[in-house]
Amino acid sequence: MTRGRLAIHGHFYQPERRDPFTGLLPVDPAAAPFPNWNARITAECYRPNAERGNLDRISFDVGPTLTAWLASEEPATLARIVAADHGLNAVAQGFHHAILPLASARDRATEIRWGLRDFALRFGRPAGVLWLPETAVDLPTLREMARQGVKATILAPWQAATPGLETRRPHRVQLGGGLEMIVAFYDGALSGAVSFQPETTADADRFARELVLPALVAPLHRDGSHRREAGDPLVLVATDGELYGHHQRWRDLFLARLTDPVEDRGFDVVSLGSALAAEDPATFPLARIADRTSWSCHHGVLRWSGECPCAPDGRWKGPLRAALERLAAGVDAVTELLARDMPGRGGGPRDRVSLDAWAARDAYVDVVIGATAPASFAAAHLAAGAGEAASRRLLDLMEAQRWRLAMFASDGWYWDDPARPETRHILRCAAWTARTVDRLAGTHLERRLEEDLALFVSPSQGIDGHGLYRAALAEIGRTDD
């Protein structure tokens, strides 16, 4: 009889909440008695799970917008999270939690590159596995991940296009051009029960006995058939990490009990990284993925781009995305135009080349995460003697690109209505970006943005997007900047 394995994955993430105009995190009364939601969720979830050793026994990803806050405000908690990696447990994540199948090819590459760089800085090693925001996937995204050295990812079972998929073993997805990706498909029933049925996780012993063990006892089978396969079954449970103590109180204790190494429940508790390292990838069966799908919505990526049936009225989502995409195109056009007049660093002292704006943007992540000082970054990308004005211009342009990327965070579209803090935040990111570029280049991007935002209406408030935009800026005193 084979001995099954249980792997738990926790997706730990908080959206970017810093005001782009000040770089500060505003006080949020809704998070009382804590000053903001990052502080509250740290106290309820991140710190206790780290201190109990739960992260030492599971796999987990921590979003870069969260690690930045932890590094500044909770360094001891971040240090304990990093120590829990053990060279195998931690997983990287796309930087701004943008829906990558909806991103341009250039943005997709930058989001992955920035996420991998943040991971390498925090955990001191390259990432082999990357968590896709909302597990939103398509083949171009997987190809870009593979090109950047990512070996594996996690998807929901309904994101496979292979009939009769055996989710209890990893699969290989061939991507063309000699590229491939290992995909671990999580157990949909168990993951859903953990996420949405609190009674299921009230007793870790019962959960292990009545739900996990039965899922592991049957031998592996070939996809689409009843023919048995050799190997030890691997059941993967994937959920939001905040479930363990924040979304559901005391579930950090449930996780501690479930993964307690002293207990022998008839199966082994492993991290996904250790499970993948123990097997030869060449033995994994092939699978196909369903393009433009996600874990949190059975309507694929429509939830973040149009009228998804999960929202009572999603007519605002498409126009909002179109407005921001139009702004992004304008920002990119100005970026390329301004870069032509910036003296880049050539191969020799007499070489005169224009700045490579996109290589600079990819590298600018080191400034964002604090690995490189802004002045050092400018010196590395501009020709010697370029001058202070050129350095300031480059840094302003890169900051515009930084917040232009941030305005596509998935949270701005996830909910039922744009009159929410998440959408207000991405509108402020858009405002900062447009105003910065208008100042640098004498353009009128903000004016055009406001015209585009007027094309949708909040279902609950009856206010158009332009009104929401002005209200979002009024909250932080930036209406007349």
Protein backbone atom coordinates (compact mmCIF):
# COMPACT_ATOMS: atom_id res chain seq x y z
CA MET A 1 0.00 0.00 0.00
CA THR A 2 1.36 3.42 -0.91
CA ARG A 3 1.73 6.12 1.71
CA GLY A 4 0.02 9.28 0.58
CA ARG A 5 1.22 12.84 1.05
CA LEU A 6 -0.65 16.00 1.98
CA ALA A 7 0.68 19.40 0.93
CA ILE A 8 -0.88 22.66 2.11
CA HIS A 9 -0.28 25.86 0.16
CA GLY A 10 -1.06 29.28 1.59
CA HIS A 11 -1.37 32.28 -0.73
CA PHE A 12 -0.47 35.27 1.46
CA TYR A 13 -1.13 38.63 -0.15
CA GLN A 14 -2.23 42.16 0.59
CA PRO A 15 -2.86 44.75 -2.11
CA GLU A 16 -0.75 47.87 -2.37
CA ARG A 17 -2.37 50.38 0.00
CA ARG A 18 0.26 53.11 0.04
CA ASP A 19 -0.82 56.50 -1.25
CA PRO A 20 1.22 56.97 -4.46
CA PHE A 21 1.41 60.72 -3.81
CA THR A 22 3.07 60.36 -0.40
CA GLY A 23 4.29 56.77 -0.24
CA LEU A 24 2.51 56.42 3.12
CA LEU A 25 -0.14 53.97 4.23
CA PRO A 26 -3.18 55.96 5.40
CA VAL A 27 -4.95 55.14 8.64
CA ASP A 28 -8.05 53.03 7.93
CA PRO A 29 -10.78 53.20 10.63
CA ALA A 30 -12.34 50.00 9.23
CA ALA A 31 -9.32 48.06 10.55
CA ALA A 32 -9.76 49.29 14.16
CA PRO A 33 -8.37 48.79 16.71
CA PHE A 34 -5.36 48.57 14.37
CA PRO A 35 -4.25 51.53 12.22
CA ASN A 36 -4.64 49.63 8.94
CA TRP A 37 -5.51 46.23 7.52
CA ASN A 38 -1.89 45.17 7.06
CA ALA A 39 -1.29 45.60 10.79
CA ARG A 40 -4.51 43.85 11.75
CA ILE A 41 -4.00 40.83 9.50
CA THR A 42 -0.39 40.54 10.65
CA ALA A 43 -1.57 40.28 14.24
CA GLU A 44 -4.34 37.80 13.40
CA CYS A 45 -2.57 35.69 10.80
CA TYR A 46 0.99 36.32 9.61
CA ARG A 47 2.68 36.60 12.99
CA PRO A 48 0.92 33.69 14.73
CA ASN A 49 1.40 31.33 11.79
CA ALA A 50 5.07 32.24 11.60
CA GLU A 51 5.59 31.92 15.35
CA ARG A 52 3.76 28.58 15.59
CA GLY A 53 6.02 27.10 12.93
CA ASN A 54 3.13 26.48 10.55
CA LEU A 55 5.02 27.94 7.60
CA ASP A 56 7.90 25.54 8.21
CA ARG A 57 5.60 22.67 7.23
CA ILE A 58 3.64 24.06 4.28
CA SER A 59 4.37 25.80 1.00
CA PHE A 60 3.49 29.47 0.77
CA ASP A 61 3.85 32.60 -1.31
CA VAL A 62 4.01 36.11 0.11
CA GLY A 63 3.13 38.91 -2.31
CA PRO A 64 5.78 41.59 -2.89
CA THR A 65 3.37 44.36 -1.91
CA LEU A 66 3.11 42.58 1.46
CA THR A 67 6.80 41.80 1.93
CA ALA A 68 7.61 45.49 1.39
CA TRP A 69 5.30 46.47 4.26
CA LEU A 70 6.57 43.66 6.50
CA ALA A 71 10.18 44.65 5.84
CA SER A 72 9.40 48.18 7.00
CA GLU A 73 6.89 47.61 9.80
CA GLU A 74 7.23 43.97 10.93
CA PRO A 75 10.83 42.91 10.17
CA ALA A 76 10.84 40.21 12.86
CA THR A 77 7.76 38.58 11.34
CA LEU A 78 9.27 38.74 7.86
CA ALA A 79 12.51 37.22 9.17
CA ARG A 80 10.58 34.32 10.67
CA ILE A 81 8.70 33.82 7.38
CA VAL A 82 11.99 33.76 5.48
CA ALA A 83 13.47 31.26 7.94
CA ALA A 84 10.50 28.97 7.33
CA ASP A 85 11.48 28.57 3.67
CA HIS A 86 14.19 25.94 4.32
CA GLY A 87 15.20 26.31 0.68
CA LEU A 88 12.02 24.61 -0.57
CA ASN A 89 8.82 25.93 0.99
CA ALA A 90 8.47 29.48 -0.36
CA VAL A 91 6.99 30.31 -3.76
CA ALA A 92 7.29 33.55 -5.75
CA GLN A 93 4.34 35.64 -6.95
CA GLY A 94 3.61 38.12 -9.74
CA PHE A 95 4.57 41.52 -8.34
CA HIS A 96 1.41 43.66 -8.44
CA HIS A 97 -1.14 40.83 -8.47
CA ALA A 98 -2.21 41.79 -11.98
CA ILE A 99 -4.19 39.32 -14.09
CA LEU A 100 -1.35 38.29 -16.37
CA PRO A 101 -3.41 36.88 -19.27
CA LEU A 102 -4.98 40.35 -19.57
CA ALA A 103 -1.61 42.13 -19.52
CA SER A 104 0.48 43.13 -22.52
CA ALA A 105 3.44 40.90 -23.32
CA ARG A 106 5.84 43.54 -21.99
CA ASP A 107 3.89 44.06 -18.76
CA ARG A 108 3.56 40.32 -18.24
CA ALA A 109 7.31 39.89 -18.51
CA THR A 110 7.96 42.78 -16.11
CA GLU A 111 5.46 41.56 -13.50
CA ILE A 112 7.07 38.11 -13.49
CA ARG A 113 10.61 39.51 -13.48
CA TRP A 114 9.82 41.89 -10.61
CA GLY A 115 8.17 39.11 -8.61
CA LEU A 116 11.15 36.81 -9.07
CA ARG A 117 13.57 39.57 -8.11
CA ASP A 118 11.65 40.41 -4.94
CA PHE A 119 11.65 36.73 -4.02
CA ALA A 120 15.40 36.41 -4.58
CA LEU A 121 16.05 39.45 -2.40
CA ARG A 122 13.80 38.31 0.44
CA PHE A 123 14.60 34.58 0.47
CA GLY A 124 18.17 34.59 -0.79
CA ARG A 125 17.63 32.10 -3.60
CA PRO A 126 16.01 31.93 -7.03
CA ALA A 127 12.40 30.80 -7.13
CA GLY A 128 11.56 27.51 -8.80
CA VAL A 129 7.80 27.90 -8.38
CA LEU A 130 5.66 30.97 -9.05
CA TRP A 131 2.08 31.58 -7.91
CA LEU A 132 0.04 33.23 -10.62
CA PRO A 133 -2.27 35.97 -9.25
CA GLU A 134 -5.77 34.45 -9.03
CA THR A 135 -4.05 31.47 -10.75
CA ALA A 136 -5.10 33.25 -13.95
CA VAL A 137 -3.29 31.44 -16.74
CA ASP A 138 -2.75 31.13 -20.45
CA LEU A 139 0.00 29.63 -22.56
CA PRO A 140 1.82 32.94 -23.24
CA THR A 141 2.07 33.50 -19.47
CA LEU A 142 3.48 30.03 -18.87
CA ARG A 143 5.96 30.50 -21.71
CA GLU A 144 7.21 33.75 -20.22
CA MET A 145 7.55 32.11 -16.81
CA ALA A 146 9.56 29.26 -18.33
CA ARG A 147 11.81 31.70 -20.22
CA GLN A 148 12.58 33.39 -16.90
CA GLY A 149 13.53 30.12 -15.21
CA VAL A 150 10.31 29.19 -13.41
CA LYS A 151 9.83 25.44 -13.28
CA ALA A 152 6.37 24.98 -11.75
CA THR A 153 3.09 26.59 -10.74
CA ILE A 154 -0.21 25.72 -9.03
CA LEU A 155 -3.60 25.65 -10.75
CA ALA A 156 -7.18 24.65 -9.97
CA PRO A 157 -8.39 21.31 -11.37
CA TRP A 158 -10.91 23.02 -13.66
CA GLN A 159 -8.02 24.86 -15.30
CA ALA A 160 -6.98 21.62 -16.97
CA ALA A 161 -8.28 20.79 -20.43
CA THR A 162 -7.30 17.13 -19.97
CA PRO A 163 -10.36 14.91 -19.28
CA GLY A 164 -10.37 12.74 -16.18
CA LEU A 165 -7.34 14.49 -14.68
CA GLU A 166 -5.60 12.73 -11.79
CA THR A 167 -4.99 15.72 -9.55
CA ARG A 168 -2.98 13.68 -7.05
CA ARG A 169 0.17 13.84 -9.14
CA PRO A 170 1.91 16.78 -10.84
CA HIS A 171 1.70 17.11 -14.61
CA ARG A 172 3.83 18.61 -17.36
CA VAL A 173 2.45 21.16 -19.81
CA GLN A 174 4.35 21.45 -23.09
CA LEU A 175 4.61 25.07 -24.23
CA GLY A 176 6.39 24.80 -27.56
CA GLY A 177 9.93 25.76 -28.45
CA GLY A 178 11.32 23.18 -26.06
CA LEU A 179 9.68 24.87 -23.07
CA GLU A 180 7.48 23.17 -20.50
CA MET A 181 5.98 23.84 -17.10
CA ILE A 182 5.21 21.53 -14.19
CA VAL A 183 1.69 22.13 -12.87
CA ALA A 184 0.39 20.91 -9.51
CA PHE A 185 -3.41 20.85 -9.61
CA TYR A 186 -4.93 21.25 -6.18
CA ASP A 187 -7.81 19.19 -4.80
CA GLY A 188 -10.89 21.29 -5.56
CA ALA A 189 -13.25 19.67 -3.06
CA LEU A 190 -10.87 19.78 -0.10
CA SER A 191 -9.61 23.28 -0.87
CA GLY A 192 -13.16 24.56 -1.24
CA ALA A 193 -14.21 22.96 2.05
CA VAL A 194 -11.28 24.52 3.90
CA SER A 195 -12.01 27.92 2.39
CA PHE A 196 -15.78 28.13 2.64
CA GLN A 197 -17.02 25.57 5.19
CA PRO A 198 -15.72 26.61 8.63
CA GLU A 199 -17.19 23.53 10.27
CA THR A 200 -14.83 21.40 8.19
CA THR A 201 -11.77 22.89 9.89
CA ALA A 202 -13.11 22.96 13.44
CA ASP A 203 -11.28 19.72 14.27
CA ALA A 204 -7.94 18.93 12.62
CA ASP A 205 -7.97 15.29 13.71
CA ARG A 206 -11.37 14.70 12.22
CA PHE A 207 -10.42 16.58 9.05
CA ALA A 208 -7.38 14.36 8.59
CA ARG A 209 -9.27 11.14 9.34
CA GLU A 210 -12.49 11.74 7.45
CA LEU A 211 -11.40 13.90 4.50
CA VAL A 212 -7.68 13.72 3.83
CA LEU A 213 -7.02 10.02 4.41
CA PRO A 214 -9.88 8.83 2.14
CA ALA A 215 -8.58 11.12 -0.60
CA LEU A 216 -5.20 9.41 -0.41
CA VAL A 217 -5.95 5.72 -0.04
CA ALA A 218 -6.96 4.97 -3.64
CA PRO A 219 -4.05 4.19 -6.00
CA LEU A 220 -3.14 6.70 -8.66
CA HIS A 221 -4.89 6.32 -11.98
CA ARG A 222 -4.07 7.39 -15.49
CA ASP A 223 -5.83 10.49 -16.73
CA GLY A 224 -9.17 9.66 -18.31
CA SER A 225 -9.12 5.98 -17.28
CA HIS A 226 -9.24 3.59 -14.34
CA ARG A 227 -5.84 2.09 -15.09
CA ARG A 228 -3.56 2.24 -12.09
CA GLU A 229 -0.27 4.06 -12.00
CA ALA A 230 2.71 3.60 -9.71
CA GLY A 231 3.59 6.31 -7.21
CA ASP A 232 2.53 7.91 -3.96
CA PRO A 233 -0.55 10.15 -4.21
CA LEU A 234 -0.07 13.85 -3.42
CA VAL A 235 -3.15 15.79 -2.31
CA LEU A 236 -2.61 19.53 -2.53
CA VAL A 237 -4.88 21.91 -0.61
CA ALA A 238 -4.51 25.53 -1.77
CA THR A 239 -6.27 28.47 -0.13
CA ASP A 240 -5.75 32.11 0.74
CA GLY A 241 -3.23 32.14 3.58
CA GLU A 242 -5.26 34.75 5.44
CA LEU A 243 -7.87 32.08 6.06
CA TYR A 244 -5.70 30.73 8.89
CA GLY A 245 -6.53 33.20 11.65
CA HIS A 246 -7.98 36.22 9.85
CA HIS A 247 -10.84 35.06 7.64
CA GLN A 248 -11.52 32.22 10.08
CA ARG A 249 -10.57 32.67 13.71
CA TRP A 250 -8.34 30.05 15.34
CA ARG A 251 -7.57 28.31 12.06
CA ASP A 252 -3.87 28.92 12.71
CA LEU A 253 -4.36 26.39 15.52
CA PHE A 254 -6.09 24.02 13.10
CA LEU A 255 -3.13 24.29 10.74
CA ALA A 256 -0.65 23.73 13.56
CA ARG A 257 -2.48 20.58 14.68
CA LEU A 258 -2.96 19.23 11.15
CA THR A 259 0.71 19.60 10.26
CA ASP A 260 2.15 18.59 13.65
CA PRO A 261 5.14 16.34 12.83
CA VAL A 262 4.63 14.32 16.01
CA GLU A 263 1.30 12.97 14.77
CA ASP A 264 1.24 9.96 12.45
CA ARG A 265 -2.08 10.06 10.63
CA GLY A 266 -1.28 7.45 8.02
CA PHE A 267 0.05 9.99 5.53
CA ASP A 268 2.99 12.37 5.33
CA VAL A 269 2.72 16.15 5.48
CA VAL A 270 5.09 17.73 2.96
CA SER A 271 5.62 21.04 1.23
CA LEU A 272 5.01 21.24 -2.48
CA GLY A 273 8.64 22.11 -3.06
CA SER A 274 9.89 19.01 -1.29
CA ALA A 275 7.34 16.84 -3.10
CA LEU A 276 8.48 18.13 -6.49
CA ALA A 277 12.15 17.77 -5.58
CA ALA A 278 11.62 14.12 -4.66
CA GLU A 279 10.38 13.09 -8.12
CA ASP A 280 11.76 13.00 -11.64
CA PRO A 281 9.76 15.53 -13.69
CA ALA A 282 10.17 13.35 -16.78
CA THR A 283 7.84 10.81 -15.16
CA PHE A 284 4.97 13.29 -14.83
CA PRO A 285 2.15 12.79 -17.34
CA LEU A 286 1.34 15.46 -19.89
CA ALA A 287 -1.67 17.74 -19.50
CA ARG A 288 -3.23 20.63 -21.36
CA ILE A 289 -4.48 23.79 -19.71
CA ALA A 290 -7.66 25.75 -20.34
CA ASP A 291 -6.51 29.20 -21.44
CA ARG A 292 -7.63 32.39 -19.65
CA THR A 293 -9.02 30.59 -16.61
CA SER A 294 -8.63 31.33 -12.89
CA TRP A 295 -9.20 29.75 -9.48
CA SER A 296 -11.68 32.25 -8.05
CA CYS A 297 -14.17 32.41 -10.92
CA HIS A 298 -15.46 29.72 -13.27
CA HIS A 299 -15.96 32.36 -15.95
CA GLY A 300 -12.22 32.65 -16.52
CA VAL A 301 -10.69 36.11 -16.57
CA LEU A 302 -14.01 37.75 -17.42
CA ARG A 303 -14.36 38.79 -13.78
CA TRP A 304 -11.55 41.30 -14.30
CA SER A 305 -12.44 42.46 -17.80
CA GLY A 306 -16.20 42.43 -18.42
CA GLU A 307 -19.66 41.36 -17.34
CA CYS A 308 -19.04 38.23 -15.30
CA PRO A 309 -22.20 36.48 -14.00
CA CYS A 310 -20.60 36.42 -10.53
CA ALA A 311 -21.29 40.16 -10.23
CA PRO A 312 -24.87 41.49 -10.33
CA ASP A 313 -23.79 44.31 -12.63
CA GLY A 314 -20.33 44.20 -14.16
CA ARG A 315 -20.89 46.68 -16.94
CA TRP A 316 -18.34 49.05 -15.38
CA LYS A 317 -15.40 46.63 -15.57
CA GLY A 318 -14.75 46.72 -19.29
CA PRO A 319 -14.79 50.54 -19.59
CA LEU A 320 -12.55 50.90 -16.54
CA ARG A 321 -9.99 48.51 -17.99
CA ALA A 322 -10.19 50.23 -21.37
CA ALA A 323 -9.58 53.62 -19.73
CA LEU A 324 -6.51 52.40 -17.89
CA GLU A 325 -5.18 50.54 -20.90
CA ARG A 326 -5.49 53.71 -22.96
CA LEU A 327 -3.65 55.63 -20.26
CA ALA A 328 -0.94 52.95 -20.15
CA ALA A 329 -0.49 53.16 -23.92
CA GLY A 330 -0.06 56.92 -23.68
CA VAL A 331 2.44 56.60 -20.84
CA ASP A 332 4.42 54.02 -22.79
CA ALA A 333 4.49 56.16 -25.93
CA VAL A 334 5.80 59.14 -23.94
CA THR A 335 8.31 56.88 -22.16
CA GLU A 336 9.81 55.77 -25.47
CA LEU A 337 9.82 59.33 -26.80
CA LEU A 338 11.59 60.76 -23.76
CA ALA A 339 14.04 57.85 -23.61
CA ARG A 340 15.37 58.71 -27.07
CA ASP A 341 16.73 61.98 -25.69
CA MET A 342 18.31 60.38 -22.62
CA PRO A 343 21.97 59.33 -22.97
CA GLY A 344 22.16 55.67 -22.13
CA ARG A 345 25.22 53.82 -20.92
CA GLY A 346 26.93 52.32 -23.97
CA GLY A 347 29.53 49.62 -24.34
CA GLY A 348 32.46 52.06 -24.36
CA PRO A 349 33.31 55.54 -23.07
CA ARG A 350 32.62 57.18 -26.45
CA ASP A 351 29.50 55.20 -27.34
CA ARG A 352 26.39 57.35 -27.59
CA VAL A 353 23.19 55.36 -27.28
CA SER A 354 19.70 56.20 -26.19
CA LEU A 355 18.36 54.88 -22.93
CA ASP A 356 16.72 51.46 -23.17
CA ALA A 357 13.55 52.39 -21.30
CA TRP A 358 12.23 48.84 -20.95
CA ALA A 359 15.47 47.38 -19.67
CA ALA A 360 15.54 50.26 -17.20
CA ARG A 361 11.97 49.52 -16.13
CA ASP A 362 12.76 45.87 -15.55
CA ALA A 363 15.74 46.86 -13.42
CA TYR A 364 13.84 49.55 -11.50
CA VAL A 365 12.36 46.88 -9.24
CA ASP A 366 15.57 47.14 -7.22
CA VAL A 367 14.71 50.73 -6.37
CA VAL A 368 11.09 49.82 -5.55
CA ILE A 369 12.12 47.05 -3.12
CA GLY A 370 14.98 49.02 -1.59
CA ALA A 371 17.88 46.99 -2.98
CA THR A 372 19.36 49.94 -4.91
CA ALA A 373 19.43 53.66 -4.14
CA PRO A 374 17.75 55.84 -6.79
CA ALA A 375 20.97 57.71 -7.50
CA SER A 376 22.87 54.46 -8.04
CA PHE A 377 20.17 53.22 -10.40
CA ALA A 378 20.33 56.41 -12.47
CA ALA A 379 24.13 56.24 -12.63
CA ALA A 380 23.98 52.64 -13.84
CA HIS A 381 21.61 53.44 -16.71
CA LEU A 382 22.71 56.89 -17.88
CA ALA A 383 25.94 57.85 -19.57
CA ALA A 384 28.65 59.28 -17.36
CA GLY A 385 28.20 63.01 -16.97
CA ALA A 386 24.51 62.93 -17.95
CA GLY A 387 23.81 65.38 -15.17
CA GLU A 388 21.37 65.79 -12.30
CA ALA A 389 18.49 66.92 -14.53
CA ALA A 390 18.70 63.76 -16.64
CA SER A 391 18.88 61.60 -13.51
CA ARG A 392 15.80 63.26 -12.03
CA ARG A 393 13.94 62.90 -15.31
CA LEU A 394 14.77 59.20 -15.53
CA LEU A 395 13.67 58.52 -11.96
CA ASP A 396 10.40 60.42 -12.43
CA LEU A 397 9.71 58.43 -15.58
CA MET A 398 10.42 55.14 -13.83
CA GLU A 399 8.16 56.11 -10.94
CA ALA A 400 5.41 56.81 -13.46
CA GLN A 401 5.95 53.33 -14.89
CA ARG A 402 5.93 51.83 -11.40
CA TRP A 403 2.49 53.23 -10.54
CA ARG A 404 1.22 52.60 -14.06
CA LEU A 405 1.91 48.89 -13.43
CA ALA A 406 0.29 49.11 -9.98
CA MET A 407 -2.97 50.45 -11.39
CA PHE A 408 -3.72 47.01 -12.91
CA ALA A 409 -3.84 45.16 -9.56
CA SER A 410 -6.65 42.60 -9.72
CA ASP A 411 -8.42 43.96 -6.63
CA GLY A 412 -9.70 46.96 -8.55
CA TRP A 413 -12.00 44.74 -10.63
CA TYR A 414 -12.74 41.79 -8.38
CA TRP A 415 -15.70 43.13 -6.43
CA ASP A 416 -19.26 44.02 -7.40
CA ASP A 417 -18.87 47.79 -7.53
CA PRO A 418 -16.15 50.34 -8.33
CA ALA A 419 -17.18 52.46 -5.33
CA ARG A 420 -14.82 50.48 -3.08
CA PRO A 421 -11.39 51.19 -1.55
CA GLU A 422 -9.64 48.80 -3.96
CA THR A 423 -10.87 50.60 -7.07
CA ARG A 424 -10.31 54.01 -5.51
CA HIS A 425 -6.70 53.02 -4.96
CA ILE A 426 -6.03 52.05 -8.57
CA LEU A 427 -7.66 55.32 -9.65
CA ARG A 428 -5.19 57.21 -7.44
CA CYS A 429 -2.35 55.22 -9.01
CA ALA A 430 -3.66 56.26 -12.42
CA ALA A 431 -3.88 59.90 -11.33
CA TRP A 432 -0.31 59.97 -10.05
CA THR A 433 0.94 58.35 -13.25
CA ALA A 434 -0.96 60.69 -15.59
CA ARG A 435 0.01 63.83 -13.69
CA THR A 436 3.67 62.84 -13.57
CA VAL A 437 3.84 62.22 -17.31
CA ASP A 438 1.86 65.37 -18.08
CA ARG A 439 4.40 67.33 -16.03
CA LEU A 440 7.37 65.68 -17.74
CA ALA A 441 6.11 65.90 -21.31
CA GLY A 442 3.42 68.58 -21.42
CA THR A 443 0.78 66.03 -22.41
CA HIS A 444 -2.88 65.91 -21.38
CA LEU A 445 -3.18 62.29 -20.29
CA GLU A 446 -5.17 63.05 -17.16
CA ARG A 447 -7.79 65.00 -19.07
CA ARG A 448 -8.27 62.13 -21.51
CA LEU A 449 -8.38 59.67 -18.61
CA GLU A 450 -11.19 61.61 -16.96
CA GLU A 451 -13.15 61.61 -20.21
CA ASP A 452 -12.79 57.83 -20.51
CA LEU A 453 -13.77 57.23 -16.88
CA ALA A 454 -17.06 59.07 -17.44
CA LEU A 455 -18.22 56.14 -19.61
CA PHE A 456 -19.22 53.87 -16.72
CA VAL A 457 -21.40 54.18 -13.64
CA SER A 458 -21.26 52.71 -10.13
CA PRO A 459 -24.23 50.30 -9.80
CA SER A 460 -24.76 51.15 -6.13
CA GLN A 461 -24.22 54.91 -6.16
CA GLY A 462 -25.20 55.97 -9.66
CA ILE A 463 -22.01 58.05 -9.90
CA ASP A 464 -19.97 57.86 -13.07
CA GLY A 465 -16.31 56.91 -13.10
CA HIS A 466 -15.19 60.50 -13.37
CA GLY A 467 -17.06 61.32 -10.17
CA LEU A 468 -15.50 58.31 -8.44
CA TYR A 469 -12.08 59.45 -9.62
CA ARG A 470 -12.51 62.95 -8.21
CA ALA A 471 -13.86 61.54 -4.94
CA ALA A 472 -10.89 59.17 -4.64
CA LEU A 473 -8.53 62.11 -5.02
CA ALA A 474 -10.54 64.30 -2.66
CA GLU A 475 -10.10 61.68 0.10
CA ILE A 476 -6.36 62.32 0.05
CA GLY A 477 -6.54 66.06 -0.67
CA ARG A 478 -5.27 65.82 -4.25
CA THR A 479 -8.18 67.13 -6.30
CA ASP A 480 -6.43 70.31 -7.44
CA ASP A 481 -2.85 69.10 -7.88
